[in-house]
């Protein structure tokens, strides 16, 4: 492909957040397209399920459309697959383990329990 110097200069002046927005829109459009293809669903069928015109779905698939969270949720519900996945922290699980201690019942102390993302926990005692 021949390199166009004017295009390269224009691209260099685009804000990073605009580049990222375009990339995300393209990724979402490609995800929708891949799901439609995998489900052997036409744009017309998808448009009917979404309550949209086929021309609007066609614009979505160009990657130039900005999606709202509400629209992404509806697309995911209609296609039965997530469109965008957000990395989440693992769900915290609490396990109660009896601990035998050799501390006098009259002695006062603070208990500190620290949980880490890798699932390890530390329990420590500090005299008051």
N, C-alpha and C. Protein backbone atom coordinates (compact mmCIF):
# COMPACT_ATOMS: atom_id res chain seq x y z
N UNK A 1 0.84 -1.17 0.00
CA UNK A 1 0.00 0.00 0.00
C UNK A 1 0.89 1.25 0.00
N UNK A 2 0.56 2.18 -0.86
CA UNK A 2 1.32 3.41 -0.97
C UNK A 2 1.05 4.30 0.24
N UNK A 3 2.10 4.87 0.78
CA UNK A 3 1.99 5.73 1.95
C UNK A 3 1.63 7.14 1.50
N UNK A 4 0.62 7.72 2.14
CA UNK A 4 0.17 9.06 1.82
C UNK A 4 0.67 9.98 2.93
N UNK A 5 1.61 10.86 2.59
CA UNK A 5 2.21 11.75 3.58
C UNK A 5 1.18 12.68 4.23
N UNK A 6 0.25 13.21 3.46
CA UNK A 6 -0.76 14.11 4.00
C UNK A 6 -1.63 13.37 5.02
N UNK A 7 -2.02 12.13 4.68
CA UNK A 7 -2.83 11.33 5.60
C UNK A 7 -2.05 11.07 6.88
N UNK A 8 -0.79 10.72 6.77
CA UNK A 8 0.05 10.46 7.95
C UNK A 8 0.18 11.71 8.82
N UNK A 9 0.31 12.88 8.21
CA UNK A 9 0.40 14.13 8.98
C UNK A 9 -0.91 14.40 9.72
N UNK A 10 -2.02 14.18 9.04
CA UNK A 10 -3.34 14.39 9.68
C UNK A 10 -3.54 13.42 10.84
N UNK A 11 -3.15 12.19 10.62
CA UNK A 11 -3.30 11.17 11.66
C UNK A 11 -2.43 11.50 12.88
N UNK A 12 -1.28 12.05 12.66
CA UNK A 12 -0.38 12.41 13.76
C UNK A 12 -0.98 13.51 14.64
N UNK A 13 -1.88 14.33 14.08
CA UNK A 13 -2.49 15.43 14.82
C UNK A 13 -3.78 15.04 15.55
N UNK A 14 -4.20 13.79 15.43
CA UNK A 14 -5.43 13.34 16.09
C UNK A 14 -5.13 13.06 17.56
N UNK A 15 -6.01 13.55 18.44
CA UNK A 15 -5.84 13.33 19.87
C UNK A 15 -5.87 11.84 20.19
N UNK A 16 -5.08 11.40 21.17
CA UNK A 16 -5.05 9.98 21.54
C UNK A 16 -6.43 9.44 21.95
N UNK A 17 -7.24 10.28 22.64
CA UNK A 17 -8.56 9.78 23.06
C UNK A 17 -9.49 9.58 21.87
N UNK A 18 -9.32 10.36 20.81
CA UNK A 18 -10.13 10.17 19.61
C UNK A 18 -9.71 8.87 18.91
N UNK A 19 -8.40 8.63 18.85
CA UNK A 19 -7.92 7.38 18.27
C UNK A 19 -8.47 6.18 19.04
N UNK A 20 -8.47 6.28 20.36
CA UNK A 20 -8.96 5.18 21.20
C UNK A 20 -10.46 4.98 21.00
N UNK A 21 -11.21 6.08 20.89
CA UNK A 21 -12.66 5.98 20.65
C UNK A 21 -12.94 5.27 19.33
N UNK A 22 -12.22 5.63 18.30
CA UNK A 22 -12.40 4.99 16.99
C UNK A 22 -12.04 3.51 17.07
N UNK A 23 -10.95 3.21 17.77
CA UNK A 23 -10.54 1.80 17.91
C UNK A 23 -11.62 0.99 18.64
N UNK A 24 -12.16 1.56 19.72
CA UNK A 24 -13.21 0.86 20.47
C UNK A 24 -14.46 0.66 19.62
N UNK A 25 -14.86 1.69 18.88
CA UNK A 25 -16.03 1.56 18.01
C UNK A 25 -15.82 0.48 16.95
N UNK A 26 -14.62 0.41 16.41
CA UNK A 26 -14.30 -0.63 15.41
C UNK A 26 -14.32 -2.01 16.05
N UNK A 27 -13.76 -2.13 17.24
CA UNK A 27 -13.76 -3.42 17.95
C UNK A 27 -15.18 -3.90 18.24
N UNK A 28 -16.04 -2.97 18.65
CA UNK A 28 -17.43 -3.32 18.94
C UNK A 28 -18.15 -3.73 17.66
N UNK A 29 -17.96 -2.97 16.60
CA UNK A 29 -18.58 -3.31 15.31
C UNK A 29 -18.13 -4.69 14.84
N UNK A 30 -16.84 -4.97 14.97
CA UNK A 30 -16.32 -6.28 14.56
C UNK A 30 -16.89 -7.40 15.43
N UNK A 31 -17.06 -7.14 16.72
CA UNK A 31 -17.64 -8.15 17.63
C UNK A 31 -19.08 -8.46 17.22
N UNK A 32 -19.87 -7.42 16.94
CA UNK A 32 -21.25 -7.62 16.51
C UNK A 32 -21.28 -8.39 15.19
N UNK A 33 -20.45 -7.98 14.25
CA UNK A 33 -20.40 -8.66 12.95
C UNK A 33 -20.05 -10.14 13.12
N UNK A 34 -19.04 -10.43 13.95
CA UNK A 34 -18.63 -11.82 14.18
C UNK A 34 -19.76 -12.65 14.81
N UNK A 35 -20.50 -12.05 15.75
CA UNK A 35 -21.61 -12.76 16.37
C UNK A 35 -22.73 -13.02 15.39
N UNK A 36 -23.04 -12.03 14.55
CA UNK A 36 -24.07 -12.23 13.53
C UNK A 36 -23.68 -13.36 12.59
N UNK A 37 -22.43 -13.36 12.18
CA UNK A 37 -21.93 -14.39 11.28
C UNK A 37 -21.99 -15.77 11.94
N UNK A 38 -21.55 -15.87 13.19
CA UNK A 38 -21.54 -17.14 13.92
C UNK A 38 -22.96 -17.67 14.12
N UNK A 39 -23.92 -16.77 14.28
CA UNK A 39 -25.31 -17.18 14.50
C UNK A 39 -26.08 -17.29 13.19
N UNK A 40 -25.36 -17.06 12.07
CA UNK A 40 -25.98 -17.10 10.74
C UNK A 40 -27.22 -16.19 10.68
N UNK A 41 -27.04 -15.00 11.24
CA UNK A 41 -28.13 -14.03 11.31
C UNK A 41 -27.83 -12.89 10.34
N UNK A 42 -28.83 -12.49 9.58
CA UNK A 42 -28.65 -11.37 8.66
C UNK A 42 -28.82 -10.05 9.40
N UNK A 43 -28.35 -8.97 8.77
CA UNK A 43 -28.54 -7.64 9.34
C UNK A 43 -30.04 -7.34 9.46
N UNK A 44 -30.81 -7.80 8.49
CA UNK A 44 -32.26 -7.57 8.51
C UNK A 44 -32.89 -8.26 9.72
N UNK A 45 -32.52 -9.51 9.98
CA UNK A 45 -33.05 -10.24 11.14
C UNK A 45 -32.65 -9.55 12.44
N UNK A 46 -31.39 -9.16 12.51
CA UNK A 46 -30.89 -8.48 13.70
C UNK A 46 -31.62 -7.15 13.91
N UNK A 47 -31.82 -6.40 12.84
CA UNK A 47 -32.53 -5.12 12.93
C UNK A 47 -33.94 -5.33 13.46
N UNK A 48 -34.62 -6.36 12.99
CA UNK A 48 -35.98 -6.64 13.46
C UNK A 48 -35.99 -6.95 14.95
N UNK A 49 -35.02 -7.75 15.41
CA UNK A 49 -34.94 -8.10 16.83
C UNK A 49 -34.60 -6.88 17.69
N UNK A 50 -33.84 -5.97 17.14
CA UNK A 50 -33.44 -4.76 17.88
C UNK A 50 -34.48 -3.65 17.78
N UNK A 51 -35.45 -3.80 16.87
CA UNK A 51 -36.43 -2.74 16.66
C UNK A 51 -35.83 -1.54 15.95
N UNK A 52 -34.86 -1.80 15.06
CA UNK A 52 -34.15 -0.74 14.33
C UNK A 52 -34.31 -0.96 12.84
N UNK A 53 -33.98 0.07 12.06
CA UNK A 53 -33.96 -0.07 10.61
C UNK A 53 -32.66 -0.77 10.21
N UNK A 54 -32.72 -1.48 9.12
CA UNK A 54 -31.53 -2.20 8.62
C UNK A 54 -30.40 -1.21 8.30
N UNK A 55 -30.75 -0.02 7.83
CA UNK A 55 -29.73 0.99 7.50
C UNK A 55 -28.96 1.42 8.75
N UNK A 56 -29.66 1.47 9.90
CA UNK A 56 -28.98 1.84 11.14
C UNK A 56 -27.99 0.75 11.56
N UNK A 57 -28.39 -0.50 11.42
CA UNK A 57 -27.49 -1.61 11.74
C UNK A 57 -26.28 -1.58 10.82
N UNK A 58 -26.51 -1.26 9.56
CA UNK A 58 -25.42 -1.14 8.60
C UNK A 58 -24.42 -0.07 9.05
N UNK A 59 -24.91 1.07 9.55
CA UNK A 59 -24.02 2.13 10.05
C UNK A 59 -23.26 1.64 11.27
N UNK A 60 -23.92 0.86 12.14
CA UNK A 60 -23.25 0.32 13.32
C UNK A 60 -22.04 -0.50 12.92
N UNK A 61 -22.21 -1.27 11.86
CA UNK A 61 -21.16 -2.21 11.46
C UNK A 61 -20.00 -1.55 10.72
N UNK A 62 -20.12 -0.24 10.43
CA UNK A 62 -18.99 0.47 9.82
C UNK A 62 -17.97 0.88 10.87
N UNK A 63 -18.39 0.88 12.16
CA UNK A 63 -17.49 1.28 13.22
C UNK A 63 -17.49 2.77 13.49
N UNK A 64 -18.36 3.51 12.80
CA UNK A 64 -18.38 4.96 13.00
C UNK A 64 -19.46 5.39 14.00
N UNK A 65 -20.20 4.43 14.52
CA UNK A 65 -21.30 4.73 15.46
C UNK A 65 -20.79 4.62 16.89
N UNK A 66 -21.12 5.60 17.72
CA UNK A 66 -20.81 5.53 19.14
C UNK A 66 -21.96 4.84 19.87
N UNK A 67 -21.67 3.81 20.64
CA UNK A 67 -22.70 3.03 21.31
C UNK A 67 -22.91 3.50 22.74
N UNK A 68 -24.17 3.55 23.16
CA UNK A 68 -24.46 3.83 24.56
C UNK A 68 -24.40 2.50 25.32
N UNK A 69 -24.27 2.58 26.62
CA UNK A 69 -24.28 1.38 27.46
C UNK A 69 -25.61 0.65 27.30
N UNK A 70 -26.69 1.41 27.22
CA UNK A 70 -28.02 0.83 27.05
C UNK A 70 -28.12 0.03 25.75
N UNK A 71 -27.60 0.59 24.67
CA UNK A 71 -27.63 -0.11 23.39
C UNK A 71 -26.76 -1.36 23.43
N UNK A 72 -25.59 -1.27 24.05
CA UNK A 72 -24.72 -2.44 24.16
C UNK A 72 -25.39 -3.55 24.97
N UNK A 73 -26.10 -3.16 26.03
CA UNK A 73 -26.81 -4.15 26.85
C UNK A 73 -27.91 -4.83 26.04
N UNK A 74 -28.64 -4.04 25.24
CA UNK A 74 -29.72 -4.63 24.43
C UNK A 74 -29.14 -5.55 23.36
N UNK A 75 -28.04 -5.15 22.73
CA UNK A 75 -27.41 -6.00 21.71
C UNK A 75 -26.97 -7.32 22.34
N UNK A 76 -26.36 -7.24 23.52
CA UNK A 76 -25.92 -8.45 24.22
C UNK A 76 -27.10 -9.35 24.55
N UNK A 77 -28.21 -8.77 24.97
CA UNK A 77 -29.40 -9.56 25.31
C UNK A 77 -29.99 -10.22 24.06
N UNK A 78 -30.05 -9.48 22.96
CA UNK A 78 -30.61 -10.01 21.71
C UNK A 78 -29.72 -11.13 21.15
N UNK A 79 -28.40 -10.93 21.21
CA UNK A 79 -27.47 -11.93 20.64
C UNK A 79 -27.10 -13.02 21.63
N UNK A 80 -27.42 -12.81 22.90
CA UNK A 80 -27.12 -13.83 23.91
C UNK A 80 -25.65 -13.99 24.21
N UNK A 81 -24.88 -12.97 23.91
CA UNK A 81 -23.42 -12.98 24.13
C UNK A 81 -22.99 -11.60 24.60
N UNK A 82 -21.96 -11.53 25.46
CA UNK A 82 -21.47 -10.20 25.84
C UNK A 82 -20.80 -9.51 24.64
N UNK A 83 -20.97 -8.21 24.56
CA UNK A 83 -20.34 -7.44 23.49
C UNK A 83 -19.04 -6.84 24.00
N UNK A 84 -19.09 -6.29 25.20
CA UNK A 84 -17.92 -5.69 25.83
C UNK A 84 -17.72 -6.38 27.17
N UNK A 85 -16.50 -6.74 27.48
CA UNK A 85 -16.22 -7.35 28.77
C UNK A 85 -15.28 -6.45 29.54
N UNK A 86 -15.63 -6.21 30.78
CA UNK A 86 -14.82 -5.36 31.65
C UNK A 86 -14.09 -6.27 32.64
N UNK A 87 -12.81 -6.04 32.79
CA UNK A 87 -12.03 -6.84 33.73
C UNK A 87 -12.47 -6.49 35.14
N UNK A 88 -12.85 -7.50 35.87
CA UNK A 88 -13.32 -7.28 37.24
C UNK A 88 -12.39 -7.96 38.21
N UNK A 89 -12.38 -7.43 39.44
CA UNK A 89 -11.62 -8.07 40.51
C UNK A 89 -12.33 -9.38 40.85
N UNK A 90 -11.57 -10.41 41.22
CA UNK A 90 -12.24 -11.65 41.60
C UNK A 90 -13.15 -11.42 42.79
N UNK A 91 -14.26 -12.12 42.78
CA UNK A 91 -15.22 -11.98 43.87
C UNK A 91 -14.58 -12.47 45.17
N UNK A 92 -14.72 -11.66 46.22
CA UNK A 92 -14.16 -12.03 47.52
C UNK A 92 -14.99 -13.14 48.14
N UNK A 93 -14.33 -14.15 48.59
CA UNK A 93 -14.99 -15.24 49.30
C UNK A 93 -14.45 -15.25 50.72
N UNK A 94 -15.33 -15.35 51.66
CA UNK A 94 -14.93 -15.35 53.05
C UNK A 94 -15.02 -16.76 53.60
N UNK A 95 -13.99 -17.17 54.29
CA UNK A 95 -13.95 -18.47 54.94
C UNK A 95 -13.67 -18.22 56.41
N UNK A 96 -14.53 -18.76 57.25
CA UNK A 96 -14.33 -18.60 58.68
C UNK A 96 -13.67 -19.85 59.23
N UNK A 97 -12.52 -19.65 59.82
CA UNK A 97 -11.74 -20.75 60.36
C UNK A 97 -11.56 -20.52 61.85
N UNK A 98 -11.92 -21.53 62.68
CA UNK A 98 -11.68 -21.33 64.11
C UNK A 98 -10.18 -21.29 64.38
N UNK A 99 -9.79 -20.36 65.23
CA UNK A 99 -8.37 -20.20 65.56
C UNK A 99 -8.20 -20.40 67.06
N UNK A 100 -7.36 -21.32 67.40
CA UNK A 100 -7.02 -21.51 68.81
C UNK A 100 -5.99 -20.47 69.19
N UNK A 101 -6.29 -19.73 70.24
CA UNK A 101 -5.33 -18.72 70.66
C UNK A 101 -4.98 -18.95 72.12
N UNK A 102 -3.82 -18.51 72.48
CA UNK A 102 -3.32 -18.66 73.85
C UNK A 102 -3.22 -17.28 74.49
N UNK A 103 -4.29 -16.52 74.32
CA UNK A 103 -4.33 -15.17 74.87
C UNK A 103 -5.29 -15.19 76.05
N UNK A 104 -4.89 -14.57 77.10
CA UNK A 104 -5.72 -14.49 78.31
C UNK A 104 -7.04 -13.81 77.98
N UNK A 105 -8.18 -14.29 78.54
CA UNK A 105 -9.48 -13.67 78.26
C UNK A 105 -9.55 -12.21 78.71
N UNK A 106 -8.68 -11.81 79.60
CA UNK A 106 -8.72 -10.42 80.08
C UNK A 106 -7.82 -9.52 79.24
N UNK A 107 -6.95 -10.11 78.44
CA UNK A 107 -6.03 -9.32 77.61
C UNK A 107 -6.79 -8.78 76.40
N UNK A 108 -6.58 -7.49 76.07
CA UNK A 108 -7.26 -6.88 74.94
C UNK A 108 -6.30 -6.80 73.76
N UNK A 109 -6.87 -7.05 72.57
CA UNK A 109 -6.04 -7.00 71.36
C UNK A 109 -6.91 -6.65 70.16
N UNK A 110 -6.25 -6.17 69.12
CA UNK A 110 -6.90 -5.88 67.84
C UNK A 110 -6.57 -7.03 66.89
N UNK A 111 -7.55 -7.39 66.09
CA UNK A 111 -7.34 -8.43 65.08
C UNK A 111 -7.39 -7.75 63.72
N UNK A 112 -6.39 -8.02 62.91
CA UNK A 112 -6.33 -7.46 61.56
C UNK A 112 -6.31 -8.60 60.56
N UNK A 113 -7.27 -8.59 59.65
CA UNK A 113 -7.32 -9.61 58.61
C UNK A 113 -7.12 -8.92 57.27
N UNK A 114 -6.14 -9.34 56.51
CA UNK A 114 -5.83 -8.75 55.22
C UNK A 114 -6.01 -9.80 54.14
N UNK A 115 -6.82 -9.49 53.11
CA UNK A 115 -7.01 -10.39 51.98
C UNK A 115 -6.36 -9.79 50.76
N UNK A 116 -5.72 -10.63 49.97
CA UNK A 116 -5.07 -10.18 48.75
C UNK A 116 -5.81 -10.74 47.55
N UNK A 117 -5.61 -10.12 46.39
CA UNK A 117 -6.30 -10.53 45.17
C UNK A 117 -5.98 -11.98 44.79
N UNK A 118 -4.81 -12.47 45.18
CA UNK A 118 -4.43 -13.83 44.81
C UNK A 118 -5.10 -14.87 45.70
N UNK A 119 -5.94 -14.42 46.65
CA UNK A 119 -6.67 -15.35 47.50
C UNK A 119 -6.02 -15.61 48.85
N UNK A 120 -4.80 -15.15 49.03
CA UNK A 120 -4.12 -15.36 50.31
C UNK A 120 -4.63 -14.36 51.34
N UNK A 121 -4.72 -14.80 52.58
CA UNK A 121 -5.14 -13.92 53.67
C UNK A 121 -4.14 -14.00 54.80
N UNK A 122 -4.03 -12.90 55.52
CA UNK A 122 -3.14 -12.85 56.68
C UNK A 122 -3.94 -12.36 57.87
N UNK A 123 -3.82 -13.04 58.98
CA UNK A 123 -4.47 -12.62 60.23
C UNK A 123 -3.37 -12.28 61.21
N UNK A 124 -3.46 -11.09 61.80
CA UNK A 124 -2.44 -10.68 62.77
C UNK A 124 -3.12 -10.09 63.99
N UNK A 125 -2.44 -10.18 65.14
CA UNK A 125 -2.94 -9.68 66.41
C UNK A 125 -2.00 -8.61 66.92
N UNK A 126 -2.58 -7.59 67.55
CA UNK A 126 -1.78 -6.53 68.12
C UNK A 126 -2.36 -6.20 69.49
N UNK A 127 -1.51 -6.23 70.52
CA UNK A 127 -1.98 -5.88 71.87
C UNK A 127 -2.38 -4.42 71.92
N UNK A 128 -3.43 -4.15 72.69
CA UNK A 128 -3.89 -2.76 72.86
C UNK A 128 -3.11 -2.10 73.96
